[in-house]
Amino acid sequence: MTVTAERSSYQYTDLPRLMQLMTGDEKHGPSATSTLDVLWVLYDQVLRVAPEAVDEPERDRFLLSKGHGPMAYYAVLAAKGFVPVAWLSGFGSFESRLGQHPDRMLVPGVEIGSGSLGHGLPIAVGTALGLRAQGLVEPAVWTLVGDAELDEGSNHEAIAFAGAVGIERLHAVVADNLSATYGRAGGIAARFDVAGWSTVSVDGRDHAALYEAFTAPHPGRPRAVVARVEPKF
């Protein structure tokens, strides 16, 4: 079964206005805006998921591992009809479903509760293996990871395992704003490449480049896309 995203009247140019509706404290603005373009291209052009089919077994899975600063994520979910726009103004309040970290029990379309750094990629590996074990070979599994999050050792175990066993339906997008503590010889993409992943680094603000990177064939290997954005200092 093919699941296609619902096309709403909101466009990419509406996202800043939607984000401005979220006026709560500790918004982590730079962290949020660094992911805005990646999230939009995924939900607008790539992911096979729709508001009316958030539990459809054949849907693609998107796991937000970079759970700090979820404003961009909430704005995109609202723009695509997963959550009401009216929810945005309550962001971060005690009564709001939209917390500082997304909660899968409260926010339609959210696959995991995020915010614990280093968890998303390992969970994505398990999700891809679980889908394959159920005979669900079409759904793609995507996870958005922060560059600093790669300091967590659990990610490197996931990278090594996924590359070794060739989990083709697994995709990792790394938002690279140079906020990582430790440097990596050859850059972030080299860490995935040496483990057997199909890798590419692109301008994280260039929608055409992101789409091409997200949809490029990578038979027999997981895919890693490093989306470079302006440094966070």
Protein backbone atom coordinates (compact mmCIF):
# COMPACT_ATOMS: atom_id res chain seq x y z
CA MET A 1 0.00 0.00 0.00
CA THR A 2 1.31 3.45 -0.90
CA VAL A 3 0.99 6.19 1.67
CA THR A 4 1.33 9.77 0.41
CA ALA A 5 1.59 12.93 2.45
CA GLU A 6 -1.40 15.24 2.65
CA ARG A 7 -0.72 18.52 0.87
CA SER A 8 -1.88 21.44 2.99
CA SER A 9 -2.15 25.10 2.08
CA TYR A 10 0.99 25.91 4.07
CA GLN A 11 4.31 26.33 2.28
CA TYR A 12 7.93 26.53 3.37
CA THR A 13 7.68 30.32 3.52
CA ASP A 14 4.98 29.98 6.21
CA LEU A 15 7.26 28.12 8.62
CA PRO A 16 8.92 31.19 10.22
CA ARG A 17 5.47 32.59 11.00
CA LEU A 18 4.37 29.28 12.51
CA MET A 19 7.53 29.16 14.62
CA GLN A 20 6.87 32.70 15.86
CA LEU A 21 3.62 31.44 17.39
CA MET A 22 5.68 29.39 19.86
CA THR A 23 6.59 31.88 22.57
CA GLY A 24 7.53 29.59 25.46
CA ASP A 25 10.81 29.72 27.38
CA GLU A 26 13.94 27.76 26.43
CA LYS A 27 13.06 27.48 22.77
CA HIS A 28 16.62 26.57 21.68
CA GLY A 29 16.11 28.63 18.53
CA PRO A 30 19.45 27.93 16.77
CA SER A 31 19.04 24.20 17.33
CA ALA A 32 15.56 24.34 15.87
CA THR A 33 16.30 26.46 12.84
CA SER A 34 19.30 24.31 11.89
CA THR A 35 16.88 21.50 11.06
CA LEU A 36 14.12 23.49 9.37
CA ASP A 37 15.08 22.81 5.75
CA VAL A 38 15.83 19.13 6.29
CA LEU A 39 12.47 18.59 7.98
CA TRP A 40 10.55 20.46 5.31
CA VAL A 41 12.09 18.56 2.39
CA LEU A 42 11.51 15.24 4.12
CA TYR A 43 7.87 15.87 4.98
CA ASP A 44 7.03 17.76 1.81
CA GLN A 45 8.71 15.54 -0.78
CA VAL A 46 10.12 12.32 0.64
CA LEU A 47 8.33 10.66 3.56
CA ARG A 48 5.37 8.39 2.84
CA VAL A 49 3.30 9.36 5.86
CA ALA A 50 0.07 11.30 6.28
CA PRO A 51 -1.95 12.73 9.20
CA GLU A 52 -4.84 10.32 8.60
CA ALA A 53 -2.52 7.30 8.55
CA VAL A 54 -0.10 7.76 11.44
CA ASP A 55 -0.57 4.11 12.44
CA GLU A 56 -0.49 2.66 8.90
CA PRO A 57 1.99 -0.28 8.96
CA GLU A 58 3.35 0.60 5.52
CA ARG A 59 4.18 4.20 6.44
CA ASP A 60 7.73 5.49 6.52
CA ARG A 61 9.08 6.12 10.00
CA PHE A 62 10.75 9.39 10.97
CA LEU A 63 12.56 9.42 14.32
CA LEU A 64 13.69 12.77 15.68
CA SER A 65 16.83 12.01 17.64
CA LYS A 66 17.89 15.67 17.74
CA GLY A 67 15.11 16.38 20.19
CA HIS A 68 16.43 19.67 21.57
CA GLY A 69 14.71 22.67 20.08
CA PRO A 70 11.73 20.92 18.46
CA MET A 71 10.12 24.16 17.27
CA ALA A 72 10.92 23.45 13.62
CA TYR A 73 9.53 19.93 13.95
CA TYR A 74 6.28 21.18 15.47
CA ALA A 75 5.97 23.88 12.80
CA VAL A 76 6.35 21.32 10.02
CA LEU A 77 3.90 18.91 11.67
CA ALA A 78 1.37 21.73 11.95
CA ALA A 79 1.95 22.82 8.36
CA LYS A 80 1.33 19.28 7.17
CA GLY A 81 -1.81 18.78 9.25
CA PHE A 82 -0.53 16.36 11.91
CA VAL A 83 -1.28 18.79 14.75
CA PRO A 84 -3.55 21.84 14.93
CA VAL A 85 -1.84 25.19 14.40
CA ALA A 86 -3.69 26.35 17.51
CA TRP A 87 -1.47 24.08 19.60
CA LEU A 88 1.66 26.04 18.72
CA SER A 89 0.97 29.06 20.94
CA GLY A 90 0.99 26.89 24.04
CA PHE A 91 4.42 25.42 23.31
CA GLY A 92 6.36 24.51 26.43
CA SER A 93 3.57 25.28 28.89
CA PHE A 94 2.38 22.81 31.51
CA GLU A 95 -0.94 22.29 29.72
CA SER A 96 0.53 21.91 26.23
CA ARG A 97 1.08 18.65 24.36
CA LEU A 98 4.06 20.29 22.69
CA GLY A 99 6.81 19.95 25.25
CA GLN A 100 10.49 20.84 25.14
CA HIS A 101 11.03 17.32 23.81
CA PRO A 102 8.44 15.60 21.58
CA ASP A 103 6.30 12.95 23.29
CA ARG A 104 4.96 10.15 21.08
CA MET A 105 2.01 9.66 23.43
CA LEU A 106 0.88 13.28 23.08
CA VAL A 107 1.80 14.42 19.57
CA PRO A 108 0.26 12.69 16.51
CA GLY A 109 2.88 11.55 14.02
CA VAL A 110 5.75 11.43 16.52
CA GLU A 111 7.36 7.98 16.52
CA ILE A 112 9.60 8.19 19.61
CA GLY A 113 10.00 10.33 22.68
CA SER A 114 13.26 12.19 22.03
CA GLY A 115 15.70 14.27 23.97
CA SER A 116 18.00 11.57 25.36
CA LEU A 117 21.05 12.15 23.18
CA GLY A 118 22.36 9.15 21.27
CA HIS A 119 19.11 7.16 21.35
CA GLY A 120 17.58 7.91 17.95
CA LEU A 121 19.97 6.09 15.65
CA PRO A 122 20.08 2.87 17.71
CA ILE A 123 16.27 2.91 17.89
CA ALA A 124 16.12 3.47 14.14
CA VAL A 125 18.32 0.41 13.60
CA GLY A 126 15.99 -1.67 15.76
CA THR A 127 12.94 -0.26 14.00
CA ALA A 128 14.31 -1.17 10.58
CA LEU A 129 15.15 -4.69 11.74
CA GLY A 130 11.72 -5.07 13.32
CA LEU A 131 9.94 -4.00 10.15
CA ARG A 132 12.01 -6.43 8.11
CA ALA A 133 11.21 -9.25 10.53
CA GLN A 134 7.50 -8.54 10.00
CA GLY A 135 7.89 -8.73 6.24
CA LEU A 136 7.39 -4.97 5.84
CA VAL A 137 10.07 -4.26 3.25
CA GLU A 138 8.77 -1.00 1.78
CA PRO A 139 8.79 1.40 4.77
CA ALA A 140 11.90 3.52 5.03
CA VAL A 141 13.27 4.50 8.43
CA TRP A 142 14.72 8.00 8.82
CA THR A 143 16.38 9.56 11.82
CA LEU A 144 17.61 13.14 12.27
CA VAL A 145 20.73 13.37 14.41
CA GLY A 146 22.70 16.37 15.67
CA ASP A 147 26.45 16.54 15.08
CA ALA A 148 27.18 16.93 18.79
CA GLU A 149 24.99 13.92 19.47
CA LEU A 150 27.53 11.78 17.64
CA ASP A 151 29.79 12.19 20.67
CA GLU A 152 27.59 9.54 22.30
CA GLY A 153 29.08 6.05 21.96
CA SER A 154 25.73 4.37 21.33
CA ASN A 155 25.63 6.03 17.92
CA HIS A 156 28.91 4.48 16.87
CA GLU A 157 27.72 1.00 17.77
CA ALA A 158 24.63 1.61 15.65
CA ILE A 159 26.70 2.97 12.75
CA ALA A 160 29.04 -0.03 12.81
CA PHE A 161 26.24 -2.61 13.04
CA ALA A 162 23.98 -1.08 10.39
CA GLY A 163 26.83 -0.82 7.91
CA ALA A 164 28.05 -4.34 8.55
CA VAL A 165 24.65 -5.95 7.95
CA GLY A 166 23.61 -3.57 5.18
CA ILE A 167 20.28 -2.16 6.44
CA GLU A 168 19.21 -0.60 3.15
CA ARG A 169 15.96 0.95 4.40
CA LEU A 170 17.80 2.92 7.11
CA HIS A 171 18.62 6.61 6.59
CA ALA A 172 20.43 8.99 8.92
CA VAL A 173 20.50 12.75 8.43
CA VAL A 174 23.11 14.61 10.48
CA ALA A 175 22.52 18.34 11.03
CA ASP A 176 26.08 19.65 11.15
CA ASN A 177 26.41 23.13 12.64
CA LEU A 178 29.92 22.52 14.02
CA SER A 179 28.73 22.13 17.60
CA ALA A 180 30.40 18.77 18.22
CA THR A 181 33.05 18.57 20.93
CA TYR A 182 35.36 16.16 19.11
CA GLY A 183 36.63 16.42 15.56
CA ARG A 184 36.62 13.50 13.16
CA ALA A 185 39.35 12.83 10.64
CA GLY A 186 37.85 13.38 7.21
CA GLY A 187 34.64 14.88 8.61
CA ILE A 188 31.37 13.37 9.77
CA ALA A 189 30.60 11.61 6.48
CA ALA A 190 33.89 9.70 6.72
CA ARG A 191 32.74 8.10 9.99
CA PHE A 192 29.75 6.55 8.23
CA ASP A 193 31.65 5.78 5.03
CA VAL A 194 34.30 3.70 6.76
CA ALA A 195 31.53 1.60 8.31
CA GLY A 196 30.04 0.75 4.92
CA TRP A 197 27.31 3.38 4.60
CA SER A 198 26.45 5.27 1.43
CA THR A 199 27.31 8.85 2.35
CA VAL A 200 27.10 12.41 1.05
CA SER A 201 27.56 15.91 2.46
CA VAL A 202 25.35 18.73 1.17
CA ASP A 203 24.32 22.30 1.88
CA GLY A 204 21.64 21.91 4.55
CA ARG A 205 19.75 24.96 3.23
CA ASP A 206 19.63 23.84 -0.42
CA HIS A 207 16.32 22.06 -0.94
CA ALA A 208 17.21 20.65 -4.35
CA ALA A 209 20.50 19.24 -3.03
CA LEU A 210 18.77 17.77 0.01
CA TYR A 211 16.10 16.11 -2.13
CA GLU A 212 18.71 14.62 -4.46
CA ALA A 213 20.70 13.30 -1.50
CA PHE A 214 17.60 11.86 0.18
CA THR A 215 16.37 10.03 -2.93
CA ALA A 216 19.65 8.76 -4.42
CA PRO A 217 19.79 4.94 -4.74
CA HIS A 218 22.01 3.12 -2.25
CA PRO A 219 21.47 -0.62 -2.87
CA GLY A 220 22.55 -2.90 -0.06
CA ARG A 221 23.74 -0.11 2.24
CA PRO A 222 22.24 2.33 4.74
CA ARG A 223 22.34 5.99 3.73
CA ALA A 224 23.85 8.93 5.65
CA VAL A 225 23.32 12.55 4.59
CA VAL A 226 25.33 15.24 6.35
CA ALA A 227 23.43 18.53 6.08
CA ARG A 228 25.83 21.41 6.68
CA VAL A 229 24.35 24.59 8.13
CA GLU A 230 25.76 27.79 9.61
CA PRO A 231 28.00 27.22 12.67
CA LYS A 232 26.50 27.44 16.15
CA PHE A 233 28.82 29.50 18.35
